[in-house]
Amino acid sequence: MGFLWQRYRDQFPVTANLTYLNHAAVTPLVKPAAEAMKALAEDACHWGSLHYDEWLQAYEGLRVSAAKLIGAHRDEIAIVKNTSEGIATVALGLDWREGDRIVAFREEFPANYYIWERVGGGRVAVEWLSIHDPLEKIEAACRGARLLAISYVNYLSGYTVDLNAIGEICRRHDVFYFVDAIQGLGALPLDVEAAHIDALAADGHKWMLGPEGCGILYLRRDRMDSVEPVEFGWTNVRHYADYASRDTTLRSDAGRYEPGTLNTIGIYGLRASIEFLNQVGIGEIAPAVRGLARRIEEGVRGKGYEVLESGSGIVSFRKPDTDSRVIVAALRNERIVAAPRQGFVRTSPHFYIAPEEIDRMLDVIP
């Protein structure tokens, strides 16, 4: 059967042009996602909305496949345009009260940082911790807190938190547990039930191998009534298909957080990419991704680079007096794609990358 990367290499046309080590930024589309989007574009071009029923099937297909990916029920999946929208839906939809407290983390990507600053700008306090703080300190902060928000995988270092351990802390103290999963979902295993996660958001354009502008919001069924929709349109309501209805009763599922027309072409792509990931199996993908990351880490350490603590598919490294932008430019000249981030070279290979491509990258860097 060969190695995992060999079995699925032909599903990634980008490999004919580039060694792509930048999935933590924007992924190349996996072939099924690109083909699904092309097919929808052609259909809409030639037939308009004649096949609208098939569009609705795609919406349902995305909810089902996303639920399978994270161990949820399709009723708990809303389709959103990006991670930020998912985070804001939760942050602004909760009924905050005087004296409430949020536990958040300093190293977060801005999408999971700014919103808590704004919510905490008035009567709500924010306690800022570090993702590297011990669980005992996180538990102490959670006593009496209303919500904890954290990323599964840090966007810069690749540091991976113990979702299940933090979830158990939140469960014990009845703290609403929100996870920004964009840098882990599609590469690493995640089970919302095992981790006691109350809400989760992720866009499809990184490790899920899908397009930009289409993502998912998971909201646990028994938490939905505590999170009001912050955007309201014709599809939030139960009888949205009846245009003459004036009943504003919300939909019974997470569709209540979808305020209008959806990104249909993006949904076609993301459904296909998640179905592909489910077919391959995250249980096989995760060790392959981590193996490639270890290969990079060992290689750059051998060349004298400092490496940030990881545990995921992200490896960021730097060396004194060496400009990361110069290294990234040198790699690009060799058709190897990485990213400069805050003085570091950030690499993020997905499972279809060949080990020999990692070795070639290591040969290029000084």
Protein backbone atom coordinates (compact mmCIF):
# COMPACT_ATOMS: atom_id res chain seq x y z
CA MET A 1 0.00 0.00 0.00
CA GLY A 2 2.93 2.36 0.57
CA PHE A 3 3.23 5.24 2.98
CA LEU A 4 0.23 7.47 3.65
CA TRP A 5 1.66 10.38 1.66
CA GLN A 6 2.25 8.10 -1.32
CA ARG A 7 -1.31 6.79 -1.30
CA TYR A 8 -2.89 10.26 -1.48
CA ARG A 9 -0.21 12.32 -3.21
CA ASP A 10 -2.19 12.47 -6.45
CA GLN A 11 -5.02 14.29 -4.66
CA PHE A 12 -2.79 17.34 -4.24
CA PRO A 13 -1.95 18.91 -7.62
CA VAL A 14 0.11 21.57 -5.86
CA THR A 15 2.89 18.99 -5.50
CA ALA A 16 3.66 19.35 -9.22
CA ASN A 17 4.63 22.97 -8.61
CA LEU A 18 5.64 23.51 -5.00
CA THR A 19 6.79 21.99 -1.75
CA TYR A 20 4.03 23.50 0.33
CA LEU A 21 4.91 23.92 4.01
CA ASN A 22 2.39 26.63 4.84
CA HIS A 23 -0.87 24.94 5.84
CA ALA A 24 -1.02 27.08 8.98
CA ALA A 25 -1.67 30.04 6.64
CA VAL A 26 -3.76 29.14 3.58
CA THR A 27 -3.88 25.59 2.26
CA PRO A 28 -3.75 24.45 -1.35
CA LEU A 29 -7.12 22.91 -2.17
CA VAL A 30 -7.31 19.14 -2.14
CA LYS A 31 -8.51 17.90 -5.54
CA PRO A 32 -12.04 16.81 -4.42
CA ALA A 33 -12.66 20.29 -2.97
CA ALA A 34 -11.51 22.04 -6.14
CA GLU A 35 -13.55 19.70 -8.34
CA ALA A 36 -16.68 20.17 -6.22
CA MET A 37 -16.40 23.94 -6.46
CA LYS A 38 -15.76 23.83 -10.19
CA ALA A 39 -18.79 21.62 -10.68
CA LEU A 40 -21.04 24.00 -8.73
CA ALA A 41 -19.70 27.00 -10.65
CA GLU A 42 -20.40 25.28 -13.96
CA ASP A 43 -23.87 24.23 -12.82
CA ALA A 44 -24.76 27.76 -11.67
CA CYS A 45 -23.33 29.21 -14.88
CA HIS A 46 -25.44 27.00 -17.14
CA TRP A 47 -28.51 26.29 -15.01
CA GLY A 48 -28.78 29.08 -12.47
CA SER A 49 -30.49 27.83 -9.32
CA LEU A 50 -32.46 25.07 -11.03
CA HIS A 51 -30.67 22.49 -8.88
CA TYR A 52 -31.14 24.39 -5.62
CA ASP A 53 -32.21 21.18 -3.86
CA GLU A 54 -28.70 19.86 -4.46
CA TRP A 55 -27.31 22.97 -2.80
CA LEU A 56 -29.36 22.20 0.29
CA GLN A 57 -28.00 18.65 0.24
CA ALA A 58 -24.49 20.11 0.24
CA TYR A 59 -25.33 22.19 3.33
CA GLU A 60 -26.56 19.08 5.08
CA GLY A 61 -23.52 17.12 3.89
CA LEU A 62 -21.18 19.68 5.42
CA ARG A 63 -22.99 19.59 8.76
CA VAL A 64 -22.87 15.80 8.84
CA SER A 65 -19.23 15.47 7.81
CA ALA A 66 -18.08 18.23 10.20
CA ALA A 67 -19.99 16.59 13.05
CA LYS A 68 -18.27 13.29 12.29
CA LEU A 69 -14.86 14.99 12.29
CA ILE A 70 -15.28 16.32 15.85
CA GLY A 71 -17.59 13.73 17.41
CA ALA A 72 -20.67 15.95 17.49
CA HIS A 73 -24.26 15.75 16.16
CA ARG A 74 -25.20 17.51 12.95
CA ASP A 75 -27.76 19.58 14.90
CA GLU A 76 -24.81 21.19 16.74
CA ILE A 77 -23.08 22.48 13.59
CA ALA A 78 -23.65 25.94 12.14
CA ILE A 79 -22.04 27.07 8.90
CA VAL A 80 -20.17 30.36 9.31
CA LYS A 81 -17.90 32.39 7.09
CA ASN A 82 -14.81 32.20 9.28
CA THR A 83 -13.43 31.46 12.75
CA SER A 84 -13.82 35.08 13.86
CA GLU A 85 -17.55 35.00 13.13
CA GLY A 86 -17.88 31.80 15.15
CA ILE A 87 -16.00 33.30 18.09
CA ALA A 88 -18.01 36.53 17.96
CA THR A 89 -21.28 34.61 17.82
CA VAL A 90 -20.47 33.04 21.18
CA ALA A 91 -18.78 36.05 22.76
CA LEU A 92 -21.53 38.53 21.88
CA GLY A 93 -24.41 36.09 22.24
CA LEU A 94 -23.88 35.27 25.91
CA ASP A 95 -25.83 37.31 28.45
CA TRP A 96 -22.94 38.82 30.37
CA ARG A 97 -23.62 39.97 33.90
CA GLU A 98 -21.91 42.34 36.30
CA GLY A 99 -19.00 40.56 37.95
CA ASP A 100 -18.60 37.86 35.28
CA ARG A 101 -15.03 36.82 34.55
CA ILE A 102 -13.37 35.41 31.43
CA VAL A 103 -10.20 33.31 31.41
CA ALA A 104 -8.19 33.96 28.24
CA PHE A 105 -4.59 33.58 27.07
CA ARG A 106 -1.99 36.14 26.06
CA GLU A 107 -0.42 34.18 23.19
CA GLU A 108 -3.62 33.86 21.17
CA PHE A 109 -4.08 34.82 17.53
CA PRO A 110 -5.94 38.17 17.39
CA ALA A 111 -9.24 36.51 16.44
CA ASN A 112 -9.33 34.84 19.87
CA TYR A 113 -7.87 37.83 21.72
CA TYR A 114 -9.47 41.09 20.59
CA ILE A 115 -13.04 39.93 21.12
CA TRP A 116 -12.43 39.10 24.79
CA GLU A 117 -10.75 42.47 25.30
CA ARG A 118 -13.89 44.13 23.97
CA VAL A 119 -16.29 42.00 25.98
CA GLY A 120 -14.17 42.66 29.05
CA GLY A 121 -14.04 46.39 28.44
CA GLY A 122 -16.90 47.12 30.79
CA ARG A 123 -18.51 45.13 33.59
CA VAL A 124 -16.79 41.82 32.70
CA ALA A 125 -13.24 41.09 33.88
CA VAL A 126 -10.68 39.17 31.86
CA GLU A 127 -7.96 37.16 33.59
CA TRP A 128 -5.06 36.73 31.17
CA LEU A 129 -2.96 33.59 31.54
CA SER A 130 -0.22 31.98 29.47
CA ILE A 131 -0.83 28.80 27.49
CA HIS A 132 2.28 27.46 29.24
CA ASP A 133 0.82 27.91 32.71
CA PRO A 134 0.33 24.67 34.65
CA LEU A 135 -3.13 23.15 34.90
CA GLU A 136 -3.22 24.05 38.59
CA LYS A 137 -3.02 27.75 37.74
CA ILE A 138 -5.70 27.38 35.04
CA GLU A 139 -7.96 25.61 37.52
CA ALA A 140 -7.45 28.34 40.11
CA ALA A 141 -8.44 30.96 37.51
CA CYS A 142 -11.54 28.97 36.57
CA ARG A 143 -13.00 29.06 40.05
CA GLY A 144 -15.91 31.45 39.74
CA ALA A 145 -15.23 32.23 36.05
CA ARG A 146 -17.99 32.32 33.42
CA LEU A 147 -16.01 31.33 30.31
CA LEU A 148 -12.58 30.06 29.24
CA ALA A 149 -11.38 30.58 25.65
CA ILE A 150 -8.28 28.94 24.25
CA SER A 151 -6.81 27.70 20.96
CA TYR A 152 -6.22 24.00 20.44
CA VAL A 153 -2.93 24.77 18.68
CA ASN A 154 -1.03 28.05 18.95
CA TYR A 155 -0.68 29.76 15.57
CA LEU A 156 3.00 30.70 16.06
CA SER A 157 4.66 28.01 18.12
CA GLY A 158 2.38 25.08 17.36
CA TYR A 159 2.06 24.46 21.09
CA THR A 160 -0.84 22.04 21.60
CA VAL A 161 -2.90 22.29 24.74
CA ASP A 162 -4.41 19.35 26.61
CA LEU A 163 -8.00 19.92 25.56
CA ASN A 164 -9.37 17.08 27.65
CA ALA A 165 -7.63 18.17 30.84
CA ILE A 166 -8.77 21.79 30.48
CA GLY A 167 -12.24 20.58 29.58
CA GLU A 168 -12.42 18.55 32.77
CA ILE A 169 -11.47 21.65 34.75
CA CYS A 170 -14.19 23.67 33.02
CA ARG A 171 -16.74 20.92 33.62
CA ARG A 172 -15.93 20.76 37.34
CA HIS A 173 -16.36 24.51 37.75
CA ASP A 174 -19.27 24.96 35.31
CA VAL A 175 -17.21 27.23 33.03
CA PHE A 176 -18.30 27.70 29.42
CA TYR A 177 -15.46 26.15 27.40
CA PHE A 178 -14.70 27.72 24.02
CA VAL A 179 -12.00 26.39 21.65
CA ASP A 180 -10.52 28.04 18.57
CA ALA A 181 -9.67 24.87 16.63
CA ILE A 182 -8.46 26.29 13.31
CA GLN A 183 -4.80 25.26 13.73
CA GLY A 184 -5.60 21.69 14.73
CA LEU A 185 -8.78 20.58 13.05
CA GLY A 186 -7.95 18.41 10.04
CA ALA A 187 -4.49 17.48 11.29
CA LEU A 188 -4.99 16.35 14.89
CA PRO A 189 -7.73 14.37 16.64
CA LEU A 190 -10.44 16.25 18.49
CA ASP A 191 -13.51 14.90 20.26
CA VAL A 192 -15.85 17.54 21.65
CA GLU A 193 -17.55 15.05 23.98
CA ALA A 194 -14.33 13.67 25.47
CA ALA A 195 -13.02 17.22 25.94
CA HIS A 196 -16.34 18.62 27.33
CA ILE A 197 -16.14 21.47 24.79
CA ASP A 198 -19.17 23.76 24.78
CA ALA A 199 -18.38 25.67 21.59
CA LEU A 200 -15.75 25.49 18.88
CA ALA A 201 -15.00 27.39 15.69
CA ALA A 202 -12.70 26.76 12.74
CA ASP A 203 -12.36 27.98 9.18
CA GLY A 204 -11.71 25.48 6.41
CA HIS A 205 -8.75 27.12 4.68
CA LYS A 206 -5.92 25.70 6.78
CA TRP A 207 -5.53 22.06 7.86
CA MET A 208 -9.02 21.13 6.63
CA LEU A 209 -7.78 21.61 3.04
CA GLY A 210 -10.78 23.68 1.99
CA PRO A 211 -11.51 27.19 0.70
CA GLU A 212 -11.38 30.52 2.50
CA GLY A 213 -14.60 32.11 3.70
CA CYS A 214 -16.35 28.96 4.89
CA GLY A 215 -16.11 27.44 8.35
CA ILE A 216 -17.98 25.72 11.11
CA LEU A 217 -19.29 26.67 14.52
CA TYR A 218 -20.03 23.86 16.95
CA LEU A 219 -22.33 24.68 19.85
CA ARG A 220 -23.31 22.01 22.33
CA ARG A 221 -27.05 21.42 22.20
CA ASP A 222 -27.67 22.14 25.90
CA ARG A 223 -25.79 25.47 25.61
CA MET A 224 -27.71 26.88 22.65
CA ASP A 225 -30.42 28.60 24.66
CA SER A 226 -27.74 30.58 26.52
CA VAL A 227 -26.19 31.97 23.31
CA GLU A 228 -28.50 34.34 21.45
CA PRO A 229 -27.93 34.92 17.70
CA VAL A 230 -26.14 38.25 17.28
CA GLU A 231 -26.95 38.50 13.57
CA PHE A 232 -30.57 38.01 12.62
CA GLY A 233 -31.94 37.29 9.17
CA TRP A 234 -34.52 35.23 7.42
CA THR A 235 -32.87 31.84 7.97
CA ASN A 236 -32.45 32.00 11.75
CA VAL A 237 -36.07 31.05 12.25
CA ARG A 238 -37.90 27.75 12.29
CA HIS A 239 -40.13 28.42 9.28
CA TYR A 240 -37.52 30.20 7.15
CA ALA A 241 -38.69 28.41 3.98
CA ASP A 242 -42.16 29.95 4.38
CA TYR A 243 -41.67 33.52 3.20
CA ALA A 244 -45.16 34.53 4.32
CA SER A 245 -44.53 33.44 7.92
CA ARG A 246 -43.89 36.08 10.55
CA ASP A 247 -43.04 33.59 13.30
CA THR A 248 -39.63 34.50 14.78
CA THR A 249 -39.22 31.26 16.75
CA LEU A 250 -35.61 30.16 16.34
CA ARG A 251 -34.58 26.98 14.60
CA SER A 252 -34.14 24.11 17.04
CA ASP A 253 -30.62 23.32 15.83
CA ALA A 254 -27.42 25.35 15.31
CA GLY A 255 -28.90 26.69 12.08
CA ARG A 256 -30.31 29.43 14.34
CA TYR A 257 -26.88 31.09 14.01
CA GLU A 258 -27.05 31.29 10.21
CA PRO A 259 -28.62 34.68 9.37
CA GLY A 260 -29.07 34.46 5.61
CA THR A 261 -27.79 33.10 2.32
CA LEU A 262 -24.76 30.89 2.74
CA ASN A 263 -21.51 30.61 0.77
CA THR A 264 -22.72 27.75 -1.38
CA ILE A 265 -19.60 27.31 -3.49
CA GLY A 266 -17.46 27.34 -0.35
CA ILE A 267 -19.74 24.78 1.24
CA TYR A 268 -19.30 22.48 -1.75
CA GLY A 269 -15.55 22.73 -1.31
CA LEU A 270 -15.45 22.34 2.46
CA ARG A 271 -17.87 19.42 2.45
CA ALA A 272 -15.61 17.63 -0.06
CA SER A 273 -12.41 18.37 1.84
CA ILE A 274 -13.80 17.21 5.20
CA GLU A 275 -15.25 14.08 3.60
CA PHE A 276 -11.78 13.43 2.20
CA LEU A 277 -10.20 13.86 5.64
CA ASN A 278 -12.76 11.56 7.21
CA GLN A 279 -12.04 8.97 4.55
CA VAL A 280 -8.29 9.08 5.11
CA GLY A 281 -8.79 9.17 8.88
CA ILE A 282 -7.39 11.66 11.37
CA GLY A 283 -5.97 8.70 13.26
CA GLU A 284 -3.61 8.13 10.33
CA ILE A 285 -3.10 11.78 9.43
CA ALA A 286 -2.00 12.99 12.87
CA PRO A 287 1.08 10.77 13.31
CA ALA A 288 2.16 11.54 9.74
CA VAL A 289 1.90 15.30 10.35
CA ARG A 290 3.73 15.06 13.67
CA GLY A 291 6.41 12.91 12.08
CA LEU A 292 7.12 15.52 9.43
CA ALA A 293 7.20 18.24 12.10
CA ARG A 294 9.73 16.25 14.14
CA ARG A 295 11.88 15.84 11.03
CA ILE A 296 11.93 19.61 10.56
CA GLU A 297 12.60 20.26 14.24
CA GLU A 298 15.52 17.84 14.41
CA GLY A 299 16.96 19.19 11.18
CA VAL A 300 16.87 22.86 12.11
CA ARG A 301 18.15 22.20 15.63
CA GLY A 302 21.09 20.44 14.00
CA LYS A 303 21.80 23.67 12.13
CA GLY A 304 21.80 25.74 15.30
CA TYR A 305 18.29 27.19 15.18
CA GLU A 306 16.13 27.91 18.18
CA VAL A 307 12.80 26.06 17.91
CA LEU A 308 9.58 26.95 19.68
CA GLU A 309 7.87 24.19 21.63
CA SER A 310 5.30 22.49 19.41
CA GLY A 311 3.55 19.11 19.44
CA SER A 312 1.52 19.81 16.30
CA GLY A 313 2.25 20.29 12.61
CA ILE A 314 3.67 23.79 13.14
CA VAL A 315 7.41 24.24 13.60
CA SER A 316 8.78 27.78 14.03
CA PHE A 317 12.51 28.42 14.22
CA ARG A 318 15.02 31.28 14.17
CA LYS A 319 18.70 32.05 14.58
CA PRO A 320 20.31 35.24 15.92
CA ASP A 321 21.42 37.66 13.20
CA THR A 322 19.45 35.72 10.56
CA ASP A 323 16.42 37.45 9.04
CA SER A 324 13.51 35.03 8.76
CA ARG A 325 12.21 36.93 5.74
CA VAL A 326 15.46 36.29 3.89
CA ILE A 327 15.21 32.57 4.62
CA VAL A 328 11.58 32.44 3.48
CA ALA A 329 12.54 34.28 0.27
CA ALA A 330 15.38 31.81 -0.36
CA LEU A 331 12.97 28.92 0.12
CA ARG A 332 10.47 30.51 -2.25
CA ASN A 333 13.18 30.77 -4.91
CA GLU A 334 13.41 26.98 -4.63
CA ARG A 335 9.61 26.66 -4.83
CA ILE A 336 9.33 25.84 -1.14
CA VAL A 337 6.59 27.78 0.66
CA ALA A 338 6.89 28.76 4.33
CA ALA A 339 6.00 31.95 6.22
CA PRO A 340 7.84 34.62 8.22
CA ARG A 341 6.09 35.14 11.55
CA GLN A 342 7.30 37.52 14.26
CA GLY A 343 10.97 36.90 13.50
CA PHE A 344 10.56 33.16 13.04
CA VAL A 345 10.37 30.94 9.98
CA ARG A 346 7.12 29.06 10.40
CA THR A 347 6.70 25.73 8.61
CA SER A 348 3.53 23.64 8.62
CA PRO A 349 3.53 20.48 6.45
CA HIS A 350 0.43 18.35 5.93
CA PHE A 351 0.47 14.58 5.68
CA TYR A 352 0.92 14.37 1.87
CA ILE A 353 4.36 15.98 1.99
CA ALA A 354 7.22 13.55 1.28
CA PRO A 355 10.03 13.25 3.86
CA GLU A 356 12.50 13.94 1.05
CA GLU A 357 10.87 17.35 0.55
CA ILE A 358 11.60 18.19 4.16
CA ASP A 359 15.21 17.21 3.61
CA ARG A 360 15.43 19.46 0.57
CA MET A 361 14.06 22.35 2.62
CA LEU A 362 16.71 21.70 5.27
CA ASP A 363 19.38 21.79 2.58
CA VAL A 364 18.25 25.23 1.45
CA ILE A 365 18.21 27.00 4.80
CA PRO A 366 21.60 28.37 5.93
